[in-house]
């Protein structure tokens, strides 16, 4: 159990995400919060999970930023997901015993775990919580499908625009982005590994988006000047994220 008020505050994005998928009772919220144990913080670029590791519990990202990735024998890497606070490292813990991918922190990242036995107990005794976990799996699968379309069909500017829209809405949904502003502690090389583009191509595409007045960047800080326009460039619709409302309507006071 994490316990103190500071830890409850840290766990807020996780609870906000689950509650958005399926409204949870106060008792459900307490049950899952009380199940979180073994909080730990990893340094940037440290592995949280390695391929073929035995998975003995469900890890949750509480703070920071992480990624799932696969490595080829020659060292080439494909990032297959970015993980933001509130995300699970691997929901398939109930049906698989070993990881088929790795998870790495991209910023100082705090995680906590729910043991396999405790997770099974929660799933079997709390139907709304079970539904929330099921919906989380469906959203993860939907995100992966969009990423496949990105790599397979979208042009470079569409890929970058789509990813920025997705990450903004995911972070806003857990209270970590607002007014078009978000922090992305990722390098251009890491963006390239996620989008199937070279670092040079990422740099050129970000410059093009800035030139069109859609984006401002300052290190890891991003400001989306017009979310609706950026969504059109990226052929982006938020439906697959289940964020609960249409965030793409132009808002002159915000964008």
Foldseek 3Di string as FASTA:
>chain_A
DQDDPVVVVLLQLQVLLLCLQFNDDPVLVVLVVVQWADKDKDAAFAWPAAFFDFDFWKKFWSQAKKFKWAADPVGQIATQDIHHHNAIPDLCNQPDGGHRIIMGTRHTIIMTTGGNVSVVVSLVPPVRSVSSSVLSVQLSVLVSVVLVCQQVPDDLLLNVLQVLLVVQLSCVLSPQHFLQKHFASDQLCNVCSHRVHHSVSSVVSVVVCVVVVQWDDDNRMIGGPQNLVSCVSNVYDCPSNSSPDGPRDTDVVRD
